[in-house]
N, C-alpha and C. Protein backbone atom coordinates (compact mmCIF):
# COMPACT_ATOMS: atom_id res chain seq x y z
N MET A 1 -4.73 -27.43 -10.18
CA MET A 1 -4.92 -26.91 -8.80
C MET A 1 -3.82 -25.74 -8.60
N SER A 2 -4.24 -24.79 -7.99
CA SER A 2 -3.43 -23.59 -7.65
C SER A 2 -2.45 -23.83 -6.63
N ARG A 3 -1.08 -23.80 -6.94
CA ARG A 3 -0.05 -24.02 -5.97
C ARG A 3 -0.06 -23.26 -4.78
N LEU A 4 -0.30 -21.79 -5.14
CA LEU A 4 -0.45 -20.95 -3.93
C LEU A 4 -1.60 -21.09 -3.14
N GLY A 5 -2.78 -21.46 -3.83
CA GLY A 5 -4.09 -21.48 -3.26
C GLY A 5 -4.19 -22.66 -2.16
N ARG A 6 -3.48 -23.67 -2.56
CA ARG A 6 -3.59 -24.97 -1.76
C ARG A 6 -2.89 -24.83 -0.36
N LYS A 7 -1.84 -23.78 -0.28
CA LYS A 7 -1.16 -23.58 0.97
C LYS A 7 -2.09 -22.80 1.94
N PRO A 8 -2.31 -23.49 3.24
CA PRO A 8 -2.93 -22.91 4.14
C PRO A 8 -2.30 -21.66 4.82
N ILE A 9 -3.14 -20.70 5.31
CA ILE A 9 -2.56 -19.49 5.88
C ILE A 9 -2.63 -19.64 7.42
N GLU A 10 -1.33 -19.56 8.01
CA GLU A 10 -1.11 -19.52 9.35
C GLU A 10 -1.84 -18.41 10.07
N ILE A 11 -2.47 -18.58 11.14
CA ILE A 11 -3.10 -17.46 11.70
C ILE A 11 -2.12 -16.90 12.83
N PRO A 12 -1.56 -15.60 12.82
CA PRO A 12 -0.52 -15.11 13.70
C PRO A 12 -1.15 -15.06 15.28
N ASP A 13 -0.34 -15.09 16.13
CA ASP A 13 -0.79 -15.02 17.60
C ASP A 13 -1.43 -13.56 17.75
N LYS A 14 -2.45 -13.74 18.68
CA LYS A 14 -3.27 -12.45 19.12
C LYS A 14 -4.18 -12.06 17.84
N VAL A 15 -4.48 -12.85 16.89
CA VAL A 15 -5.25 -12.52 15.84
C VAL A 15 -6.56 -13.54 15.87
N LYS A 16 -7.73 -12.73 15.79
CA LYS A 16 -8.98 -13.53 15.72
C LYS A 16 -9.41 -13.52 14.35
N VAL A 17 -9.92 -14.68 13.73
CA VAL A 17 -10.45 -14.61 12.47
C VAL A 17 -11.72 -15.24 12.44
N SER A 18 -12.82 -14.88 11.73
CA SER A 18 -14.02 -15.37 11.64
C SER A 18 -14.56 -15.21 10.28
N VAL A 19 -15.28 -16.35 9.75
CA VAL A 19 -15.73 -16.37 8.45
C VAL A 19 -17.22 -16.58 8.51
N SER A 20 -17.88 -15.71 7.76
CA SER A 20 -19.39 -15.79 7.75
C SER A 20 -19.72 -15.55 6.31
N GLY A 21 -20.14 -16.71 5.58
CA GLY A 21 -20.71 -16.45 4.28
C GLY A 21 -19.31 -16.16 3.36
N GLN A 22 -19.29 -15.09 2.57
CA GLN A 22 -18.15 -14.74 1.85
C GLN A 22 -17.41 -13.69 2.42
N THR A 23 -17.45 -13.31 3.72
CA THR A 23 -16.82 -12.46 4.35
C THR A 23 -15.77 -13.04 5.40
N VAL A 24 -14.50 -12.62 5.13
CA VAL A 24 -13.49 -13.05 6.19
C VAL A 24 -13.06 -11.80 7.13
N ALA A 25 -13.35 -11.81 8.32
CA ALA A 25 -13.06 -10.70 9.16
C ALA A 25 -12.02 -11.11 10.17
N ALA A 26 -11.05 -10.21 10.36
CA ALA A 26 -9.98 -10.57 11.28
C ALA A 26 -9.68 -9.33 12.18
N GLU A 27 -9.25 -9.52 13.54
CA GLU A 27 -9.02 -8.45 14.40
C GLU A 27 -7.69 -8.89 15.16
N GLY A 28 -6.75 -7.89 15.16
CA GLY A 28 -5.50 -8.22 15.75
C GLY A 28 -4.89 -6.85 16.48
N PRO A 29 -3.72 -6.85 16.94
CA PRO A 29 -3.01 -5.77 17.61
C PRO A 29 -3.01 -4.52 16.83
N ALA A 30 -2.99 -4.44 15.56
CA ALA A 30 -2.91 -3.42 14.68
C ALA A 30 -4.19 -2.78 14.40
N GLY A 31 -5.19 -3.56 14.58
CA GLY A 31 -6.45 -3.04 14.23
C GLY A 31 -7.46 -4.25 13.70
N LYS A 32 -8.59 -3.87 13.21
CA LYS A 32 -9.43 -4.87 12.39
C LYS A 32 -9.75 -4.45 10.98
N ASN A 33 -10.15 -5.50 10.19
CA ASN A 33 -10.36 -5.48 8.79
C ASN A 33 -11.07 -6.51 8.31
N SER A 34 -11.81 -6.44 7.24
CA SER A 34 -12.35 -7.64 6.53
C SER A 34 -12.39 -7.59 5.15
N VAL A 35 -12.51 -8.81 4.37
CA VAL A 35 -12.39 -8.87 3.02
C VAL A 35 -13.74 -9.69 2.53
N THR A 36 -14.31 -9.38 1.50
CA THR A 36 -15.44 -10.17 0.87
C THR A 36 -14.90 -10.77 -0.20
N LEU A 37 -14.91 -12.13 -0.16
CA LEU A 37 -14.53 -13.09 -1.12
C LEU A 37 -15.27 -13.01 -2.49
N HIS A 38 -14.60 -13.44 -3.61
CA HIS A 38 -15.38 -13.57 -4.92
C HIS A 38 -16.41 -14.76 -4.71
N PRO A 39 -17.43 -14.74 -5.39
CA PRO A 39 -18.51 -15.78 -5.18
C PRO A 39 -18.11 -17.19 -5.55
N GLN A 40 -17.00 -17.40 -6.31
CA GLN A 40 -16.50 -18.63 -6.64
C GLN A 40 -15.45 -19.23 -5.75
N ILE A 41 -15.18 -18.50 -4.63
CA ILE A 41 -14.14 -18.84 -3.77
C ILE A 41 -14.73 -19.08 -2.22
N THR A 42 -14.17 -20.06 -1.59
CA THR A 42 -14.54 -20.28 -0.16
C THR A 42 -13.41 -20.11 0.85
N ALA A 43 -13.84 -20.06 2.05
CA ALA A 43 -12.83 -19.92 3.02
C ALA A 43 -13.37 -20.67 4.33
N LYS A 44 -12.33 -21.20 5.21
CA LYS A 44 -12.94 -21.74 6.31
C LYS A 44 -11.67 -21.84 7.28
N VAL A 45 -11.91 -21.68 8.63
CA VAL A 45 -10.86 -21.85 9.62
C VAL A 45 -10.68 -23.11 10.20
N GLU A 46 -9.36 -23.76 10.10
CA GLU A 46 -9.22 -25.07 10.63
C GLU A 46 -7.90 -25.07 11.46
N ASP A 47 -8.04 -25.35 12.78
CA ASP A 47 -6.97 -25.37 13.74
C ASP A 47 -5.92 -24.49 13.43
N LYS A 48 -6.07 -23.17 13.85
CA LYS A 48 -5.20 -21.99 13.66
C LYS A 48 -4.52 -21.77 12.27
N LYS A 49 -5.20 -22.11 11.26
CA LYS A 49 -5.10 -21.89 9.84
C LYS A 49 -6.22 -21.68 9.19
N VAL A 50 -6.28 -20.79 8.17
CA VAL A 50 -7.23 -20.47 7.33
C VAL A 50 -6.96 -21.00 5.86
N VAL A 51 -8.17 -21.85 5.41
CA VAL A 51 -7.94 -22.71 4.10
C VAL A 51 -8.92 -21.94 3.19
N VAL A 52 -8.20 -21.67 2.11
CA VAL A 52 -9.14 -20.97 1.03
C VAL A 52 -9.24 -22.09 -0.10
N GLY A 53 -10.49 -22.12 -0.72
CA GLY A 53 -10.67 -23.06 -1.74
C GLY A 53 -11.58 -22.46 -2.86
N ALA A 54 -11.52 -23.26 -3.95
CA ALA A 54 -12.26 -22.77 -5.17
C ALA A 54 -13.43 -23.67 -5.31
N LYS A 55 -14.57 -23.18 -5.81
CA LYS A 55 -15.85 -24.05 -6.11
C LYS A 55 -15.70 -24.78 -7.37
N GLY A 56 -14.97 -24.64 -8.29
CA GLY A 56 -14.80 -25.08 -9.56
C GLY A 56 -13.30 -25.48 -9.78
N THR A 57 -13.14 -26.08 -11.04
CA THR A 57 -11.80 -26.56 -11.49
C THR A 57 -11.28 -25.99 -12.75
N SER A 58 -12.00 -24.99 -13.28
CA SER A 58 -11.61 -24.29 -14.45
C SER A 58 -10.34 -23.43 -14.29
N THR A 59 -9.67 -22.92 -15.32
CA THR A 59 -8.57 -22.11 -15.28
C THR A 59 -8.78 -20.79 -14.52
N THR A 60 -10.08 -20.30 -14.79
CA THR A 60 -10.47 -19.07 -14.00
C THR A 60 -10.48 -19.21 -12.66
N HIS A 61 -11.00 -20.48 -12.18
CA HIS A 61 -11.22 -20.72 -10.82
C HIS A 61 -9.91 -20.82 -10.16
N LYS A 62 -8.95 -21.37 -10.81
CA LYS A 62 -7.55 -21.54 -10.30
C LYS A 62 -6.94 -20.30 -10.05
N MET A 63 -7.10 -19.34 -11.11
CA MET A 63 -6.36 -17.94 -10.90
C MET A 63 -7.11 -17.19 -9.80
N LEU A 64 -8.34 -17.20 -9.62
CA LEU A 64 -8.98 -16.58 -8.60
C LEU A 64 -8.60 -17.09 -7.21
N TRP A 65 -8.43 -18.43 -7.21
CA TRP A 65 -8.12 -19.09 -5.98
C TRP A 65 -6.87 -18.53 -5.43
N GLY A 66 -5.71 -18.39 -6.24
CA GLY A 66 -4.44 -18.01 -5.72
C GLY A 66 -4.61 -16.53 -5.51
N THR A 67 -5.31 -15.76 -6.14
CA THR A 67 -5.28 -14.28 -5.87
C THR A 67 -6.08 -13.95 -4.62
N TRP A 68 -7.24 -14.77 -4.32
CA TRP A 68 -8.04 -14.49 -3.15
C TRP A 68 -7.31 -14.93 -1.81
N ARG A 69 -6.45 -16.12 -1.98
CA ARG A 69 -5.66 -16.58 -0.96
C ARG A 69 -4.61 -15.44 -0.58
N SER A 70 -4.05 -14.77 -1.58
CA SER A 70 -3.16 -13.66 -1.11
C SER A 70 -3.78 -12.49 -0.54
N HIS A 71 -5.16 -12.20 -0.98
CA HIS A 71 -5.78 -11.20 -0.27
C HIS A 71 -6.25 -11.51 1.23
N VAL A 72 -6.38 -12.78 1.55
CA VAL A 72 -6.64 -13.21 3.01
C VAL A 72 -5.44 -13.19 3.67
N ALA A 73 -4.22 -13.60 3.07
CA ALA A 73 -3.08 -13.55 3.74
C ALA A 73 -2.61 -12.12 4.09
N ASN A 74 -2.80 -11.06 3.17
CA ASN A 74 -2.56 -9.73 3.43
C ASN A 74 -3.39 -9.18 4.38
N LEU A 75 -4.56 -9.70 4.55
CA LEU A 75 -5.64 -9.27 5.51
C LEU A 75 -4.95 -9.51 7.05
N LEU A 76 -4.61 -10.94 7.13
CA LEU A 76 -4.00 -11.33 8.35
C LEU A 76 -2.77 -10.65 8.79
N GLU A 77 -1.75 -10.26 7.87
CA GLU A 77 -0.59 -9.75 8.05
C GLU A 77 -0.80 -8.30 8.43
N GLY A 78 -1.99 -7.60 7.84
CA GLY A 78 -2.20 -6.31 8.21
C GLY A 78 -2.71 -6.06 9.58
N VAL A 79 -3.61 -7.02 10.06
CA VAL A 79 -4.13 -6.73 11.49
C VAL A 79 -3.24 -7.21 12.47
N ALA A 80 -2.19 -8.00 12.05
CA ALA A 80 -1.18 -8.52 13.08
C ALA A 80 -0.06 -7.47 13.12
N LYS A 81 0.57 -6.84 12.04
CA LYS A 81 1.63 -5.88 12.00
C LYS A 81 1.29 -4.69 11.53
N GLY A 82 0.51 -4.50 10.45
CA GLY A 82 0.25 -3.32 9.80
C GLY A 82 1.18 -3.11 8.64
N TYR A 83 0.72 -2.18 7.70
CA TYR A 83 1.70 -1.82 6.63
C TYR A 83 2.04 -0.47 6.68
N GLU A 84 3.31 -0.15 6.19
CA GLU A 84 3.76 1.30 6.11
C GLU A 84 4.57 1.57 4.97
N LYS A 85 4.39 2.76 4.43
CA LYS A 85 5.08 3.12 3.28
C LYS A 85 5.73 4.48 3.57
N GLY A 86 6.94 4.81 3.16
CA GLY A 86 7.59 6.09 3.48
C GLY A 86 7.79 6.79 2.17
N LEU A 87 7.66 8.17 2.16
CA LEU A 87 7.88 8.96 0.95
C LEU A 87 8.90 10.01 1.43
N GLU A 88 9.74 10.61 0.48
CA GLU A 88 10.64 11.44 0.54
C GLU A 88 10.45 12.70 -0.39
N ILE A 89 10.42 13.96 0.27
CA ILE A 89 10.25 15.12 -0.70
C ILE A 89 11.59 15.71 -0.83
N THR A 90 11.97 16.05 -2.06
CA THR A 90 13.23 16.68 -2.36
C THR A 90 12.95 17.85 -3.22
N GLY A 91 13.67 19.05 -2.78
CA GLY A 91 13.50 20.28 -3.61
C GLY A 91 13.51 21.44 -2.74
N VAL A 92 14.08 22.50 -3.32
CA VAL A 92 14.12 23.74 -2.55
C VAL A 92 12.80 24.28 -2.14
N GLY A 93 12.50 24.40 -0.91
CA GLY A 93 11.17 24.85 -0.50
C GLY A 93 10.11 23.88 -0.48
N TYR A 94 10.28 22.66 -0.90
CA TYR A 94 9.18 21.63 -0.90
C TYR A 94 9.19 21.10 0.56
N ASN A 95 7.86 20.91 1.00
CA ASN A 95 7.71 20.38 2.34
C ASN A 95 6.31 19.84 2.42
N ALA A 96 6.00 19.27 3.62
CA ALA A 96 4.60 18.64 3.89
C ALA A 96 4.34 18.71 5.29
N LYS A 97 3.01 18.80 5.71
CA LYS A 97 2.54 18.86 7.18
C LYS A 97 1.11 18.32 7.18
N VAL A 98 0.94 17.82 8.27
CA VAL A 98 -0.41 17.23 8.50
C VAL A 98 -1.18 18.24 9.33
N GLN A 99 -2.38 18.62 8.96
CA GLN A 99 -3.20 19.58 9.86
C GLN A 99 -4.61 18.84 9.79
N GLY A 100 -4.89 18.39 11.07
CA GLY A 100 -6.28 17.66 11.26
C GLY A 100 -6.19 16.41 10.34
N ASP A 101 -7.34 16.27 9.44
CA ASP A 101 -7.34 15.24 8.57
C ASP A 101 -7.02 15.37 7.10
N LYS A 102 -6.07 16.40 7.02
CA LYS A 102 -5.54 16.81 5.66
C LYS A 102 -4.12 16.93 5.67
N LEU A 103 -3.68 16.43 4.54
CA LEU A 103 -1.96 16.46 4.35
C LEU A 103 -1.91 17.67 3.35
N ILE A 104 -1.02 18.62 3.82
CA ILE A 104 -0.71 19.83 2.93
C ILE A 104 0.70 19.87 2.44
N MET A 105 0.81 19.93 1.28
CA MET A 105 2.22 19.84 0.56
C MET A 105 2.49 21.15 -0.11
N ILE A 106 3.72 21.77 -0.02
CA ILE A 106 4.20 22.71 -0.98
C ILE A 106 5.21 22.16 -1.91
N LEU A 107 4.78 22.11 -3.10
CA LEU A 107 5.50 21.38 -4.07
C LEU A 107 6.10 22.19 -5.25
N GLY A 108 6.09 23.41 -5.07
CA GLY A 108 6.57 24.44 -6.20
C GLY A 108 5.47 24.87 -7.04
N PHE A 109 4.19 24.69 -6.83
CA PHE A 109 3.10 25.18 -7.56
C PHE A 109 2.78 26.53 -6.92
N SER A 110 1.87 27.26 -7.59
CA SER A 110 1.52 28.56 -7.06
C SER A 110 0.49 28.43 -5.79
N HIS A 111 0.14 27.29 -5.48
CA HIS A 111 -0.75 26.87 -4.45
C HIS A 111 -0.37 25.83 -3.72
N PRO A 112 -0.70 25.65 -2.34
CA PRO A 112 -0.39 24.41 -1.73
C PRO A 112 -1.28 23.21 -2.24
N VAL A 113 -0.77 22.04 -2.13
CA VAL A 113 -1.55 20.85 -2.49
C VAL A 113 -2.21 20.24 -1.27
N GLU A 114 -3.48 20.02 -1.18
CA GLU A 114 -4.14 19.57 0.05
C GLU A 114 -4.89 18.17 -0.36
N MET A 115 -4.65 17.24 0.32
CA MET A 115 -5.29 15.99 0.25
C MET A 115 -6.01 15.45 1.35
N GLN A 116 -7.17 14.95 1.35
CA GLN A 116 -7.92 14.39 2.34
C GLN A 116 -7.36 13.06 2.81
N ILE A 117 -7.12 12.82 4.07
CA ILE A 117 -6.64 11.61 4.45
C ILE A 117 -7.74 10.54 4.72
N PRO A 118 -7.74 9.44 3.95
CA PRO A 118 -8.75 8.34 4.06
C PRO A 118 -8.97 7.72 5.39
N LYS A 119 -10.13 7.48 5.95
CA LYS A 119 -10.37 6.96 7.12
C LYS A 119 -9.51 5.49 7.23
N GLY A 120 -9.07 5.11 8.30
CA GLY A 120 -8.30 3.89 8.47
C GLY A 120 -6.84 4.12 8.24
N LEU A 121 -6.33 5.33 7.78
CA LEU A 121 -4.89 5.38 7.70
C LEU A 121 -4.48 6.34 8.57
N GLN A 122 -3.24 6.35 9.00
CA GLN A 122 -2.53 7.21 9.71
C GLN A 122 -1.37 7.94 8.93
N VAL A 123 -1.34 9.14 8.82
CA VAL A 123 -0.35 9.83 7.97
C VAL A 123 0.43 10.78 8.95
N ALA A 124 1.76 10.55 8.91
CA ALA A 124 2.55 11.39 9.90
C ALA A 124 3.77 12.03 8.95
N CYS A 125 4.22 13.32 9.52
CA CYS A 125 5.29 13.85 8.79
C CYS A 125 6.37 13.99 9.97
N PRO A 126 7.32 12.95 10.12
CA PRO A 126 8.42 13.12 11.10
C PRO A 126 9.24 14.28 10.92
N SER A 127 9.58 14.67 9.68
CA SER A 127 10.28 15.87 9.32
C SER A 127 9.51 16.52 8.20
N ALA A 128 9.96 17.65 7.86
CA ALA A 128 9.23 18.50 6.85
C ALA A 128 9.31 17.92 5.42
N THR A 129 10.41 16.97 5.27
CA THR A 129 10.56 16.44 3.90
C THR A 129 10.36 14.85 3.93
N THR A 130 9.55 14.34 4.95
CA THR A 130 9.34 12.93 5.10
C THR A 130 7.78 12.86 5.32
N VAL A 131 7.20 11.82 4.70
CA VAL A 131 5.85 11.59 4.82
C VAL A 131 5.76 10.01 5.14
N THR A 132 4.98 9.60 6.20
CA THR A 132 4.82 8.14 6.46
C THR A 132 3.44 7.85 6.52
N VAL A 133 2.90 6.73 5.68
CA VAL A 133 1.53 6.37 5.63
C VAL A 133 1.49 4.89 6.20
N LYS A 134 0.55 4.92 7.23
CA LYS A 134 0.42 3.57 7.93
C LYS A 134 -1.09 3.11 8.03
N GLY A 135 -1.34 1.77 7.96
CA GLY A 135 -2.68 1.36 7.95
C GLY A 135 -2.63 -0.24 8.02
N VAL A 136 -3.76 -0.66 8.25
CA VAL A 136 -4.02 -2.25 8.16
C VAL A 136 -4.39 -2.79 6.77
N ASP A 137 -4.78 -1.97 5.93
CA ASP A 137 -5.13 -2.37 4.56
C ASP A 137 -4.02 -2.13 3.61
N LYS A 138 -3.47 -3.18 3.14
CA LYS A 138 -2.37 -2.96 2.15
C LYS A 138 -2.58 -2.27 0.99
N GLN A 139 -3.93 -2.58 0.40
CA GLN A 139 -4.32 -1.81 -0.82
C GLN A 139 -4.44 -0.33 -0.64
N LEU A 140 -5.04 0.08 0.48
CA LEU A 140 -5.33 1.46 0.81
C LEU A 140 -4.16 2.20 1.12
N VAL A 141 -3.11 1.67 1.85
CA VAL A 141 -1.74 2.18 2.06
C VAL A 141 -1.08 2.55 0.84
N GLY A 142 -0.96 1.51 -0.16
CA GLY A 142 -0.33 1.63 -1.36
C GLY A 142 -1.08 2.62 -2.25
N GLU A 143 -2.24 2.66 -2.35
CA GLU A 143 -2.95 3.53 -3.20
C GLU A 143 -2.87 5.00 -2.91
N PHE A 144 -3.06 5.24 -1.49
CA PHE A 144 -2.86 6.65 -1.05
C PHE A 144 -1.33 7.10 -1.05
N SER A 145 -0.46 6.17 -1.04
CA SER A 145 1.02 6.62 -1.06
C SER A 145 1.31 6.94 -2.68
N ALA A 146 0.70 6.15 -3.54
CA ALA A 146 0.82 6.52 -4.97
C ALA A 146 0.06 7.80 -5.48
N ARG A 147 -1.04 8.00 -4.82
CA ARG A 147 -1.69 9.27 -5.00
C ARG A 147 -0.83 10.46 -4.46
N ILE A 148 -0.19 10.48 -3.36
CA ILE A 148 0.72 11.38 -2.95
C ILE A 148 1.76 11.54 -3.90
N ARG A 149 2.51 10.48 -4.30
CA ARG A 149 3.69 10.61 -5.26
C ARG A 149 3.21 11.20 -6.54
N ALA A 150 1.99 10.85 -7.06
CA ALA A 150 1.64 11.39 -8.28
C ALA A 150 1.54 12.89 -8.34
N LYS A 151 1.39 13.55 -7.26
CA LYS A 151 1.29 15.02 -7.27
C LYS A 151 2.46 15.70 -7.81
N ARG A 152 3.65 15.14 -7.55
CA ARG A 152 4.91 15.59 -8.28
C ARG A 152 5.97 14.51 -8.12
N LYS A 153 6.03 13.68 -9.12
CA LYS A 153 6.97 12.60 -9.24
C LYS A 153 8.45 13.19 -9.33
N ALA A 154 9.32 12.56 -8.73
CA ALA A 154 10.85 12.90 -8.77
C ALA A 154 11.19 12.94 -10.25
N GLU A 155 11.74 14.07 -10.74
CA GLU A 155 12.17 14.17 -12.11
C GLU A 155 13.62 13.89 -12.18
N PRO A 156 14.02 13.31 -13.36
CA PRO A 156 15.33 12.45 -13.51
C PRO A 156 16.60 13.56 -13.66
N TYR A 157 16.33 14.97 -13.62
CA TYR A 157 17.53 15.76 -14.04
C TYR A 157 18.00 16.31 -12.75
N ASN A 158 17.05 16.89 -11.86
CA ASN A 158 17.49 17.42 -10.56
C ASN A 158 17.00 16.55 -9.31
N LEU A 159 16.23 15.56 -9.69
CA LEU A 159 15.57 14.84 -8.71
C LEU A 159 14.62 15.50 -7.72
N LYS A 160 14.02 16.53 -8.27
CA LYS A 160 13.09 17.37 -7.47
C LYS A 160 11.74 16.52 -7.48
N GLY A 161 11.07 16.41 -6.27
CA GLY A 161 9.72 15.96 -6.41
C GLY A 161 9.61 14.94 -5.24
N ILE A 162 8.65 14.01 -5.20
CA ILE A 162 8.38 13.04 -4.38
C ILE A 162 8.66 11.58 -4.84
N LYS A 163 9.33 10.84 -4.05
CA LYS A 163 9.71 9.46 -4.31
C LYS A 163 9.51 8.63 -3.05
N TYR A 164 9.39 7.31 -3.27
CA TYR A 164 9.27 6.23 -2.22
C TYR A 164 10.64 6.29 -1.50
N LYS A 165 10.69 5.89 -0.22
CA LYS A 165 11.97 5.80 0.57
C LYS A 165 13.01 4.85 -0.16
N ASP A 166 12.59 3.80 -0.79
CA ASP A 166 13.36 2.68 -1.37
C ASP A 166 13.59 2.87 -2.83
N GLU A 167 12.92 3.88 -3.35
CA GLU A 167 12.99 4.00 -4.81
C GLU A 167 14.37 4.64 -5.32
N VAL A 168 14.74 4.21 -6.43
CA VAL A 168 15.95 4.91 -7.00
C VAL A 168 15.60 5.42 -8.40
N VAL A 169 15.78 6.77 -8.39
CA VAL A 169 15.57 7.47 -9.66
C VAL A 169 16.73 7.57 -10.36
N ARG A 170 16.87 7.16 -11.62
CA ARG A 170 18.07 7.19 -12.52
C ARG A 170 18.27 8.52 -13.00
N ARG A 171 19.46 9.28 -12.64
CA ARG A 171 19.66 10.52 -13.18
C ARG A 171 19.97 10.57 -14.63
N LYS A 172 19.52 11.65 -15.23
CA LYS A 172 19.81 11.79 -16.62
C LYS A 172 20.86 13.12 -16.81
N ALA A 173 21.78 13.10 -17.74
CA ALA A 173 22.56 14.02 -17.95
C ALA A 173 21.81 15.25 -18.56
N GLY A 174 22.27 16.50 -18.11
CA GLY A 174 21.65 17.64 -18.49
C GLY A 174 22.15 18.11 -19.99
N LYS A 175 21.99 19.31 -20.27
CA LYS A 175 22.66 19.73 -21.53
C LYS A 175 24.05 19.77 -21.50
N THR A 176 24.85 19.38 -22.55
CA THR A 176 26.15 19.49 -22.67
C THR A 176 26.63 20.56 -23.72
N PHE A 177 27.56 21.34 -23.28
CA PHE A 177 28.01 22.32 -24.14
C PHE A 177 29.41 22.13 -24.64
N VAL A 178 29.47 22.27 -26.08
CA VAL A 178 30.81 21.80 -26.73
C VAL A 178 31.51 23.30 -26.86
N THR A 179 32.61 23.37 -26.39
CA THR A 179 33.44 24.60 -26.55
C THR A 179 34.19 24.59 -27.84
N GLY A 180 34.36 25.88 -28.35
CA GLY A 180 35.16 25.88 -29.60
C GLY A 180 34.26 25.70 -30.82
N ALA A 181 32.91 25.34 -30.72
CA ALA A 181 32.15 25.32 -31.95
C ALA A 181 31.67 26.62 -32.30
N THR A 182 31.48 26.75 -33.67
CA THR A 182 30.98 28.03 -34.22
C THR A 182 29.61 27.92 -34.71
């Protein structure tokens, strides 16, 4: 049996959950979202808890059980509180701004980098060197943040580029010159 899968998921206050077939839908203060379960996984709502189960007992079923239980837990946390990722831009002249439904970044290339903001996400630039991505879908928030970061990762010599707020980039030593050598 899956240890994580066995554990029921508490439904947070102000969150409504409905299960119809393989679809688990939730609506809360941060928004609404749904997830379609794997065909070998079941879910049901029992007295303010969501119970996820597997249809079989094989090793594959056990792995799927724990994974999909985590997906449902992320769904409930997302509609209750939402998810947020922060990114920092470092470098002379590097900046970002939101225009309509596009994120426009100046990252030292000969052209500005434009990215279409996916539906369901809110992207804000509190300052010219900070980007905040918010949404109810954990996977979508993380994926879009990773795509932004991939446009110009922070390099280890001068730390120029884009990094997550809590990310630590290990500095490398630059060139060293030996004096007195011929």
